[in-house]
Amino acid sequence: MIIDAPFTLGVVDNEDTGTQELHLSFTEQIRAESPQHRGKIFTQYVPKLQDDINNLEEDSPDRTGMMTMQQISTELLPHIIADELPLLDTIVIEIAQD
């Protein structure tokens, strides 16, 4: 799965807690943009990602990963628009097992 996103995602096994984490880091390109332009990039990215998901077969192995990226992007969008996030920091998302 290759997705042109304004951030990178990595999966990390946390040995201390026994859980997995997603580590999200913003790309250098998005960091270099003005806050207003970053908001525009994310505002355009979220529906494009949804379109890409809709173009996949229901049983595609890429679909789940892309849906996770879309959910994260949708949650981040208002904070990006409001310029509330330090883009140099890595955002850590713990993956809960049900």
PDB file of N, CA and C in Angstrom:
ATOM      1  N   MET A   1       0.847  -1.173   0.000  1.00  0.00           N
ATOM      2  CA  MET A   1       0.000   0.000   0.000  1.00  0.00           C
ATOM      3  C   MET A   1       0.890   1.234   0.000  1.00  0.00           C
ATOM      4  N   ILE A   2       0.790   2.044  -1.013  1.00  0.00           N
ATOM      5  CA  ILE A   2       1.531   3.295  -1.091  1.00  0.00           C
ATOM      6  C   ILE A   2       0.515   4.422  -1.076  1.00  0.00           C
ATOM      7  N   ILE A   3       0.637   5.270  -0.065  1.00  0.00           N
ATOM      8  CA  ILE A   3      -0.289   6.390   0.075  1.00  0.00           C
ATOM      9  C   ILE A   3       0.537   7.653   0.207  1.00  0.00           C
ATOM     10  N   ASP A   4       0.214   8.632  -0.613  1.00  0.00           N
ATOM     11  CA  ASP A   4       0.884   9.925  -0.533  1.00  0.00           C
ATOM     12  C   ASP A   4       0.186  10.742   0.540  1.00  0.00           C
ATOM     13  N   ALA A   5       0.722  10.685   1.753  1.00  0.00           N
ATOM     14  CA  ALA A   5       0.098  11.327   2.905  1.00  0.00           C
ATOM     15  C   ALA A   5       0.992  12.439   3.436  1.00  0.00           C
ATOM     16  N   PRO A   6       0.412  13.395   4.169  1.00  0.00           N
ATOM     17  CA  PRO A   6       1.212  14.455   4.784  1.00  0.00           C
ATOM     18  C   PRO A   6       1.909  14.002   6.066  1.00  0.00           C
ATOM     19  N   PHE A   7       1.898  12.705   6.315  1.00  0.00           N
ATOM     20  CA  PHE A   7       2.561  12.144   7.491  1.00  0.00           C
ATOM     21  C   PHE A   7       2.984  10.719   7.180  1.00  0.00           C
ATOM     22  N   THR A   8       3.830  10.183   8.048  1.00  0.00           N
ATOM     23  CA  THR A   8       4.218   8.782   7.944  1.00  0.00           C
ATOM     24  C   THR A   8       3.696   8.054   9.176  1.00  0.00           C
ATOM     25  N   LEU A   9       3.420   6.786   9.006  1.00  0.00           N
ATOM     26  CA  LEU A   9       2.959   5.948  10.112  1.00  0.00           C
ATOM     27  C   LEU A   9       3.903   4.775  10.268  1.00  0.00           C
ATOM     28  N   GLY A  10       4.181   4.429  11.503  1.00  0.00           N
ATOM     29  CA  GLY A  10       4.959   3.241  11.795  1.00  0.00           C
ATOM     30  C   GLY A  10       4.310   2.483  12.931  1.00  0.00           C
ATOM     31  N   VAL A  11       4.427   1.172  12.922  1.00  0.00           N
ATOM     32  CA  VAL A  11       3.892   0.337  13.990  1.00  0.00           C
ATOM     33  C   VAL A  11       5.050  -0.079  14.884  1.00  0.00           C
ATOM     34  N   VAL A  12       4.882   0.131  16.183  1.00  0.00           N
ATOM     35  CA  VAL A  12       5.927  -0.167  17.152  1.00  0.00           C
ATOM     36  C   VAL A  12       5.357  -1.077  18.232  1.00  0.00           C
ATOM     37  N   ASP A  13       6.077  -2.144  18.555  1.00  0.00           N
ATOM     38  CA  ASP A  13       5.704  -3.003  19.674  1.00  0.00           C
ATOM     39  C   ASP A  13       6.279  -2.396  20.948  1.00  0.00           C
ATOM     40  N   ASN A  14       5.405  -2.038  21.879  1.00  0.00           N
ATOM     41  CA  ASN A  14       5.836  -1.469  23.147  1.00  0.00           C
ATOM     42  C   ASN A  14       6.058  -2.625  24.119  1.00  0.00           C
ATOM     43  N   GLU A  15       7.307  -2.931  24.384  1.00  0.00           N
ATOM     44  CA  GLU A  15       7.638  -4.060  25.245  1.00  0.00           C
ATOM     45  C   GLU A  15       7.248  -3.809  26.695  1.00  0.00           C
ATOM     46  N   ASP A  16       7.210  -2.546  27.103  1.00  0.00           N
ATOM     47  CA  ASP A  16       6.849  -2.228  28.491  1.00  0.00           C
ATOM     48  C   ASP A  16       5.390  -2.543  28.784  1.00  0.00           C
ATOM     49  N   THR A  17       4.507  -2.234  27.832  1.00  0.00           N
ATOM     50  CA  THR A  17       3.074  -2.425  28.056  1.00  0.00           C
ATOM     51  C   THR A  17       2.517  -3.657  27.354  1.00  0.00           C
ATOM     52  N   GLY A  18       3.280  -4.231  26.441  1.00  0.00           N
ATOM     53  CA  GLY A  18       2.802  -5.370  25.681  1.00  0.00           C
ATOM     54  C   GLY A  18       1.791  -5.010  24.609  1.00  0.00           C
ATOM     55  N   THR A  19       1.697  -3.737  24.276  1.00  0.00           N
ATOM     56  CA  THR A  19       0.748  -3.286  23.263  1.00  0.00           C
ATOM     57  C   THR A  19       1.493  -2.858  22.007  1.00  0.00           C
ATOM     58  N   GLN A  20       0.731  -2.605  20.975  1.00  0.00           N
ATOM     59  CA  GLN A  20       1.286  -2.015  19.761  1.00  0.00           C
ATOM     60  C   GLN A  20       0.869  -0.564  19.696  1.00  0.00           C
ATOM     61  N   GLU A  21       1.710   0.245  19.069  1.00  0.00           N
ATOM     62  CA  GLU A  21       1.448   1.671  18.923  1.00  0.00           C
ATOM     63  C   GLU A  21       1.638   2.079  17.473  1.00  0.00           C
ATOM     64  N   LEU A  22       0.845   3.034  17.046  1.00  0.00           N
ATOM     65  CA  LEU A  22       1.082   3.704  15.772  1.00  0.00           C
ATOM     66  C   LEU A  22       1.852   4.974  16.093  1.00  0.00           C
ATOM     67  N   HIS A  23       2.944   5.201  15.400  1.00  0.00           N
ATOM     68  CA  HIS A  23       3.722   6.427  15.567  1.00  0.00           C
ATOM     69  C   HIS A  23       3.533   7.259  14.306  1.00  0.00           C
ATOM     70  N   LEU A  24       2.946   8.429  14.472  1.00  0.00           N
ATOM     71  CA  LEU A  24       2.646   9.325  13.362  1.00  0.00           C
ATOM     72  C   LEU A  24       3.607  10.503  13.409  1.00  0.00           C
ATOM     73  N   SER A  25       4.300  10.723  12.308  1.00  0.00           N
ATOM     74  CA  SER A  25       5.215  11.868  12.191  1.00  0.00           C
ATOM     75  C   SER A  25       4.858  12.633  10.924  1.00  0.00           C
ATOM     76  N   PHE A  26       4.828  13.946  11.032  1.00  0.00           N
ATOM     77  CA  PHE A  26       4.513  14.782   9.873  1.00  0.00           C
ATOM     78  C   PHE A  26       5.736  14.878   8.964  1.00  0.00           C
ATOM     79  N   THR A  27       5.482  14.941   7.670  1.00  0.00           N
ATOM     80  CA  THR A  27       6.572  15.024   6.702  1.00  0.00           C
ATOM     81  C   THR A  27       7.232  16.399   6.758  1.00  0.00           C
ATOM     82  N   GLU A  28       8.451  16.448   6.274  1.00  0.00           N
ATOM     83  CA  GLU A  28       9.160  17.728   6.192  1.00  0.00           C
ATOM     84  C   GLU A  28       8.392  18.724   5.332  1.00  0.00           C
ATOM     85  N   GLN A  29       7.769  18.230   4.257  1.00  0.00           N
ATOM     86  CA  GLN A  29       7.029  19.111   3.350  1.00  0.00           C
ATOM     87  C   GLN A  29       5.872  19.795   4.072  1.00  0.00           C
ATOM     88  N   ILE A  30       5.126  19.049   4.880  1.00  0.00           N
ATOM     89  CA  ILE A  30       3.973  19.648   5.581  1.00  0.00           C
ATOM     90  C   ILE A  30       4.456  20.594   6.681  1.00  0.00           C
ATOM     91  N   ARG A  31       5.567  20.267   7.300  1.00  0.00           N
ATOM     92  CA  ARG A  31       6.120  21.143   8.347  1.00  0.00           C
ATOM     93  C   ARG A  31       6.547  22.492   7.777  1.00  0.00           C
ATOM     94  N   ALA A  32       7.001  22.492   6.522  1.00  0.00           N
ATOM     95  CA  ALA A  32       7.510  23.721   5.899  1.00  0.00           C
ATOM     96  C   ALA A  32       6.391  24.653   5.441  1.00  0.00           C
ATOM     97  N   GLU A  33       5.167  24.153   5.366  1.00  0.00           N
ATOM     98  CA  GLU A  33       4.048  24.962   4.885  1.00  0.00           C
ATOM     99  C   GLU A  33       3.548  25.916   5.970  1.00  0.00           C
ATOM    100  N   SER A  34       2.865  26.953   5.539  1.00  0.00           N
ATOM    101  CA  SER A  34       2.221  27.859   6.490  1.00  0.00           C
ATOM    102  C   SER A  34       1.054  27.123   7.136  1.00  0.00           C
ATOM    103  N   PRO A  35       0.646  27.534   8.331  1.00  0.00           N
ATOM    104  CA  PRO A  35      -0.499  26.875   8.973  1.00  0.00           C
ATOM    105  C   PRO A  35      -1.746  26.858   8.080  1.00  0.00           C
ATOM    106  N   GLN A  36      -1.992  27.934   7.375  1.00  0.00           N
ATOM    107  CA  GLN A  36      -3.168  28.013   6.506  1.00  0.00           C
ATOM    108  C   GLN A  36      -3.078  26.979   5.380  1.00  0.00           C
ATOM    109  N   HIS A  37      -1.895  26.854   4.793  1.00  0.00           N
ATOM    110  CA  HIS A  37      -1.727  25.902   3.687  1.00  0.00           C
ATOM    111  C   HIS A  37      -1.763  24.464   4.192  1.00  0.00           C
ATOM    112  N   ARG A  38      -1.240  24.213   5.393  1.00  0.00           N
ATOM    113  CA  ARG A  38      -1.331  22.868   5.983  1.00  0.00           C
ATOM    114  C   ARG A  38      -2.793  22.456   6.128  1.00  0.00           C
ATOM    115  N   GLY A  39      -3.617  23.378   6.603  1.00  0.00           N
ATOM    116  CA  GLY A  39      -5.047  23.096   6.742  1.00  0.00           C
ATOM    117  C   GLY A  39      -5.675  22.761   5.405  1.00  0.00           C
ATOM    118  N   LYS A  40      -5.283  23.488   4.370  1.00  0.00           N
ATOM    119  CA  LYS A  40      -5.816  23.237   3.035  1.00  0.00           C
ATOM    120  C   LYS A  40      -5.392  21.853   2.534  1.00  0.00           C
ATOM    121  N   ILE A  41      -4.125  21.493   2.767  1.00  0.00           N
ATOM    122  CA  ILE A  41      -3.613  20.188   2.339  1.00  0.00           C
ATOM    123  C   ILE A  41      -4.402  19.069   3.012  1.00  0.00           C
ATOM    124  N   PHE A  42      -4.613  19.168   4.331  1.00  0.00           N
ATOM    125  CA  PHE A  42      -5.361  18.142   5.043  1.00  0.00           C
ATOM    126  C   PHE A  42      -6.826  18.122   4.617  1.00  0.00           C
ATOM    127  N   THR A  43      -7.402  19.287   4.399  1.00  0.00           N
ATOM    128  CA  THR A  43      -8.797  19.373   3.970  1.00  0.00           C
ATOM    129  C   THR A  43      -8.989  18.673   2.627  1.00  0.00           C
ATOM    130  N   GLN A  44      -8.006  18.736   1.745  1.00  0.00           N
ATOM    131  CA  GLN A  44      -8.079  18.049   0.460  1.00  0.00           C
ATOM    132  C   GLN A  44      -7.712  16.567   0.581  1.00  0.00           C
ATOM    133  N   TYR A  45      -6.843  16.238   1.511  1.00  0.00           N
ATOM    134  CA  TYR A  45      -6.354  14.869   1.659  1.00  0.00           C
ATOM    135  C   TYR A  45      -7.445  13.911   2.147  1.00  0.00           C
ATOM    136  N   VAL A  46      -8.241  14.338   3.127  1.00  0.00           N
ATOM    137  CA  VAL A  46      -9.227  13.439   3.735  1.00  0.00           C
ATOM    138  C   VAL A  46     -10.235  12.913   2.710  1.00  0.00           C
ATOM    139  N   PRO A  47     -10.887  13.740   1.904  1.00  0.00           N
ATOM    140  CA  PRO A  47     -11.829  13.180   0.922  1.00  0.00           C
ATOM    141  C   PRO A  47     -11.135  12.387  -0.193  1.00  0.00           C
ATOM    142  N   LYS A  48      -9.905  12.767  -0.545  1.00  0.00           N
ATOM    143  CA  LYS A  48      -9.173  12.000  -1.560  1.00  0.00           C
ATOM    144  C   LYS A  48      -8.893  10.591  -1.047  1.00  0.00           C
ATOM    145  N   LEU A  49      -8.535  10.496   0.217  1.00  0.00           N
ATOM    146  CA  LEU A  49      -8.295   9.180   0.809  1.00  0.00           C
ATOM    147  C   LEU A  49      -9.585   8.366   0.808  1.00  0.00           C
ATOM    148  N   GLN A  50     -10.712   9.005   1.103  1.00  0.00           N
ATOM    149  CA  GLN A  50     -11.992   8.299   1.064  1.00  0.00           C
ATOM    150  C   GLN A  50     -12.296   7.797  -0.344  1.00  0.00           C
ATOM    151  N   ASP A  51     -12.008   8.612  -1.337  1.00  0.00           N
ATOM    152  CA  ASP A  51     -12.201   8.186  -2.731  1.00  0.00           C
ATOM    153  C   ASP A  51     -11.331   6.974  -3.058  1.00  0.00           C
ATOM    154  N   ASP A  52     -10.076   7.002  -2.589  1.00  0.00           N
ATOM    155  CA  ASP A  52      -9.171   5.874  -2.829  1.00  0.00           C
ATOM    156  C   ASP A  52      -9.698   4.602  -2.159  1.00  0.00           C
ATOM    157  N   ILE A  53     -10.245   4.746  -0.958  1.00  0.00           N
ATOM    158  CA  ILE A  53     -10.820   3.598  -0.240  1.00  0.00           C
ATOM    159  C   ILE A  53     -12.016   3.058  -1.017  1.00  0.00           C
ATOM    160  N   ASN A  54     -12.858   3.956  -1.489  1.00  0.00           N
ATOM    161  CA  ASN A  54     -14.056   3.540  -2.225  1.00  0.00           C
ATOM    162  C   ASN A  54     -13.707   2.808  -3.521  1.00  0.00           C
ATOM    163  N   ASN A  55     -12.545   3.071  -4.075  1.00  0.00           N
ATOM    164  CA  ASN A  55     -12.125   2.426  -5.317  1.00  0.00           C
ATOM    165  C   ASN A  55     -11.534   1.036  -5.097  1.00  0.00           C
ATOM    166  N   LEU A  56     -11.337   0.646  -3.855  1.00  0.00           N
ATOM    167  CA  LEU A  56     -10.785  -0.679  -3.542  1.00  0.00           C
ATOM    168  C   LEU A  56     -11.905  -1.705  -3.407  1.00  0.00           C
ATOM    169  N   GLU A  57     -11.557  -2.943  -3.666  1.00  0.00           N
ATOM    170  CA  GLU A  57     -12.492  -4.046  -3.419  1.00  0.00           C
ATOM    171  C   GLU A  57     -12.707  -4.162  -1.909  1.00  0.00           C
ATOM    172  N   GLU A  58     -13.886  -4.610  -1.520  1.00  0.00           N
ATOM    173  CA  GLU A  58     -14.221  -4.748  -0.101  1.00  0.00           C
ATOM    174  C   GLU A  58     -13.235  -5.633   0.657  1.00  0.00           C
ATOM    175  N   ASP A  59     -12.700  -6.649  -0.003  1.00  0.00           N
ATOM    176  CA  ASP A  59     -11.804  -7.586   0.674  1.00  0.00           C
ATOM    177  C   ASP A  59     -10.321  -7.264   0.469  1.00  0.00           C
ATOM    178  N   SER A  60     -10.036  -6.065  -0.027  1.00  0.00           N
ATOM    179  CA  SER A  60      -8.645  -5.673  -0.253  1.00  0.00           C
ATOM    180  C   SER A  60      -7.904  -5.550   1.079  1.00  0.00           C
ATOM    181  N   PRO A  61      -6.700  -6.128   1.173  1.00  0.00           N
ATOM    182  CA  PRO A  61      -5.930  -5.996   2.415  1.00  0.00           C
ATOM    183  C   PRO A  61      -5.496  -4.554   2.695  1.00  0.00           C
ATOM    184  N   ASP A  62      -5.450  -3.724   1.682  1.00  0.00           N
ATOM    185  CA  ASP A  62      -5.064  -2.326   1.880  1.00  0.00           C
ATOM    186  C   ASP A  62      -6.187  -1.491   2.488  1.00  0.00           C
ATOM    187  N   ARG A  63      -7.406  -1.959   2.340  1.00  0.00           N
ATOM    188  CA  ARG A  63      -8.572  -1.174   2.761  1.00  0.00           C
ATOM    189  C   ARG A  63      -8.543  -0.843   4.261  1.00  0.00           C
ATOM    190  N   THR A  64      -8.222  -1.824   5.094  1.00  0.00           N
ATOM    191  CA  THR A  64      -8.212  -1.600   6.548  1.00  0.00           C
ATOM    192  C   THR A  64      -7.182  -0.551   6.941  1.00  0.00           C
ATOM    193  N   GLY A  65      -5.989  -0.655   6.399  1.00  0.00           N
ATOM    194  CA  GLY A  65      -4.949   0.327   6.704  1.00  0.00           C
ATOM    195  C   GLY A  65      -5.327   1.721   6.250  1.00  0.00           C
ATOM    196  N   MET A  66      -5.921   1.800   5.075  1.00  0.00           N
ATOM    197  CA  MET A  66      -6.324   3.108   4.561  1.00  0.00           C
ATOM    198  C   MET A  66      -7.473   3.698   5.385  1.00  0.00           C
ATOM    199  N   MET A  67      -8.368   2.842   5.857  1.00  0.00           N
ATOM    200  CA  MET A  67      -9.462   3.327   6.692  1.00  0.00           C
ATOM    201  C   MET A  67      -8.933   3.839   8.035  1.00  0.00           C
ATOM    202  N   THR A  68      -7.908   3.194   8.550  1.00  0.00           N
ATOM    203  CA  THR A  68      -7.273   3.674   9.780  1.00  0.00           C
ATOM    204  C   THR A  68      -6.645   5.049   9.548  1.00  0.00           C
ATOM    205  N   MET A  69      -5.950   5.197   8.429  1.00  0.00           N
ATOM    206  CA  MET A  69      -5.340   6.493   8.108  1.00  0.00           C
ATOM    207  C   MET A  69      -6.407   7.571   7.937  1.00  0.00           C
ATOM    208  N   GLN A  70      -7.540   7.202   7.340  1.00  0.00           N
ATOM    209  CA  GLN A  70      -8.612   8.183   7.152  1.00  0.00           C
ATOM    210  C   GLN A  70      -9.204   8.590   8.495  1.00  0.00           C
ATOM    211  N   GLN A  71      -9.404   7.639   9.392  1.00  0.00           N
ATOM    212  CA  GLN A  71      -9.951   7.954  10.703  1.00  0.00           C
ATOM    213  C   GLN A  71      -9.011   8.888  11.465  1.00  0.00           C
ATOM    214  N   ILE A  72      -7.726   8.593  11.439  1.00  0.00           N
ATOM    215  CA  ILE A  72      -6.742   9.443  12.116  1.00  0.00           C
ATOM    216  C   ILE A  72      -6.726  10.823  11.481  1.00  0.00           C
ATOM    217  N   SER A  73      -6.718  10.888  10.165  1.00  0.00           N
ATOM    218  CA  SER A  73      -6.678  12.171   9.453  1.00  0.00           C
ATOM    219  C   SER A  73      -7.901  13.017   9.761  1.00  0.00           C
ATOM    220  N   THR A  74      -9.058  12.381   9.825  1.00  0.00           N
ATOM    221  CA  THR A  74     -10.296  13.097  10.136  1.00  0.00           C
ATOM    222  C   THR A  74     -10.239  13.676  11.543  1.00  0.00           C
ATOM    223  N   GLU A  75      -9.695  12.912  12.479  1.00  0.00           N
ATOM    224  CA  GLU A  75      -9.564  13.404  13.858  1.00  0.00           C
ATOM    225  C   GLU A  75      -8.543  14.543  13.958  1.00  0.00           C
ATOM    226  N   LEU A  76      -7.486  14.472  13.171  1.00  0.00           N
ATOM    227  CA  LEU A  76      -6.445  15.501  13.214  1.00  0.00           C
ATOM    228  C   LEU A  76      -6.854  16.787  12.501  1.00  0.00           C
ATOM    229  N   LEU A  77      -7.735  16.678  11.515  1.00  0.00           N
ATOM    230  CA  LEU A  77      -8.064  17.810  10.648  1.00  0.00           C
ATOM    231  C   LEU A  77      -8.401  19.095  11.393  1.00  0.00           C
ATOM    232  N   PRO A  78      -9.327  19.107  12.351  1.00  0.00           N
ATOM    233  CA  PRO A  78      -9.624  20.391  13.016  1.00  0.00           C
ATOM    234  C   PRO A  78      -8.438  20.952  13.791  1.00  0.00           C
ATOM    235  N   HIS A  79      -7.584  20.086  14.296  1.00  0.00           N
ATOM    236  CA  HIS A  79      -6.409  20.538  15.052  1.00  0.00           C
ATOM    237  C   HIS A  79      -5.330  21.089  14.117  1.00  0.00           C
ATOM    238  N   ILE A  80      -5.248  20.527  12.924  1.00  0.00           N
ATOM    239  CA  ILE A  80      -4.314  21.053  11.918  1.00  0.00           C
ATOM    240  C   ILE A  80      -4.797  22.424  11.460  1.00  0.00           C
ATOM    241  N   ILE A  81      -6.086  22.526  11.168  1.00  0.00           N
ATOM    242  CA  ILE A  81      -6.650  23.804  10.720  1.00  0.00           C
ATOM    243  C   ILE A  81      -6.442  24.886  11.779  1.00  0.00           C
ATOM    244  N   ALA A  82      -6.618  24.530  13.051  1.00  0.00           N
ATOM    245  CA  ALA A  82      -6.459  25.491  14.143  1.00  0.00           C
ATOM    246  C   ALA A  82      -4.998  25.699  14.547  1.00  0.00           C
ATOM    247  N   ASP A  83      -4.071  25.000  13.905  1.00  0.00           N
ATOM    248  CA  ASP A  83      -2.638  25.093  14.198  1.00  0.00           C
ATOM    249  C   ASP A  83      -2.354  24.809  15.679  1.00  0.00           C
ATOM    250  N   GLU A  84      -2.933  23.716  16.169  1.00  0.00           N
ATOM    251  CA  GLU A  84      -2.819  23.363  17.584  1.00  0.00           C
ATOM    252  C   GLU A  84      -1.798  22.260  17.871  1.00  0.00           C
ATOM    253  N   LEU A  85      -1.224  21.681  16.834  1.00  0.00           N
ATOM    254  CA  LEU A  85      -0.318  20.545  17.040  1.00  0.00           C
ATOM    255  C   LEU A  85       1.132  20.926  16.772  1.00  0.00           C
ATOM    256  N   PRO A  86       2.046  20.509  17.640  1.00  0.00           N
ATOM    257  CA  PRO A  86       3.473  20.703  17.365  1.00  0.00           C
ATOM    258  C   PRO A  86       3.921  19.667  16.322  1.00  0.00           C
ATOM    259  N   LEU A  87       4.199  20.128  15.133  1.00  0.00           N
ATOM    260  CA  LEU A  87       4.466  19.212  14.027  1.00  0.00           C
ATOM    261  C   LEU A  87       5.812  18.508  14.117  1.00  0.00           C
ATOM    262  N   LEU A  88       6.680  18.952  14.994  1.00  0.00           N
ATOM    263  CA  LEU A  88       7.968  18.277  15.154  1.00  0.00           C
ATOM    264  C   LEU A  88       7.855  17.042  16.049  1.00  0.00           C
ATOM    265  N   ASP A  89       6.787  16.962  16.832  1.00  0.00           N
ATOM    266  CA  ASP A  89       6.600  15.839  17.736  1.00  0.00           C
ATOM    267  C   ASP A  89       5.981  14.649  17.005  1.00  0.00           C
ATOM    268  N   THR A  90       6.269  13.461  17.496  1.00  0.00           N
ATOM    269  CA  THR A  90       5.628  12.247  17.011  1.00  0.00           C
ATOM    270  C   THR A  90       4.380  12.005  17.847  1.00  0.00           C
ATOM    271  N   ILE A  91       3.276  11.742  17.183  1.00  0.00           N
ATOM    272  CA  ILE A  91       2.025  11.420  17.861  1.00  0.00           C
ATOM    273  C   ILE A  91       1.981   9.905  18.022  1.00  0.00           C
ATOM    274  N   VAL A  92       1.737   9.446  19.255  1.00  0.00           N
ATOM    275  CA  VAL A  92       1.692   8.022  19.561  1.00  0.00           C
ATOM    276  C   VAL A  92       0.237   7.628  19.825  1.00  0.00           C
ATOM    277  N   ILE A  93      -0.224   6.618  19.086  1.00  0.00           N
ATOM    278  CA  ILE A  93      -1.583   6.123  19.217  1.00  0.00           C
ATOM    279  C   ILE A  93      -1.505   4.671  19.641  1.00  0.00           C
ATOM    280  N   GLU A  94      -2.026   4.367  20.828  1.00  0.00           N
ATOM    281  CA  GLU A  94      -1.990   2.992  21.308  1.00  0.00           C
ATOM    282  C   GLU A  94      -3.094   2.200  20.628  1.00  0.00           C
ATOM    283  N   ILE A  95      -2.753   1.008  20.157  1.00  0.00           N
ATOM    284  CA  ILE A  95      -3.717   0.138  19.497  1.00  0.00           C
ATOM    285  C   ILE A  95      -4.304  -0.782  20.565  1.00  0.00           C
ATOM    286  N   ALA A  96      -5.604  -0.633  20.805  1.00  0.00           N
ATOM    287  CA  ALA A  96      -6.270  -1.449  21.805  1.00  0.00           C
ATOM    288  C   ALA A  96      -6.776  -2.725  21.179  1.00  0.00           C
ATOM    289  N   GLN A  97      -6.637  -3.802  21.900  1.00  0.00           N
ATOM    290  CA  GLN A  97      -7.138  -5.098  21.449  1.00  0.00           C
ATOM    291  C   GLN A  97      -8.466  -5.361  22.138  1.00  0.00           C
ATOM    292  N   ASP A  98      -9.513  -5.603  21.347  1.00  0.00           N
ATOM    293  CA  ASP A  98     -10.831  -5.909  21.924  1.00  0.00           C
ATOM    294  C   ASP A  98     -10.966  -7.392  22.149  1.00  0.00           C
TER     295      ASP A  98
END
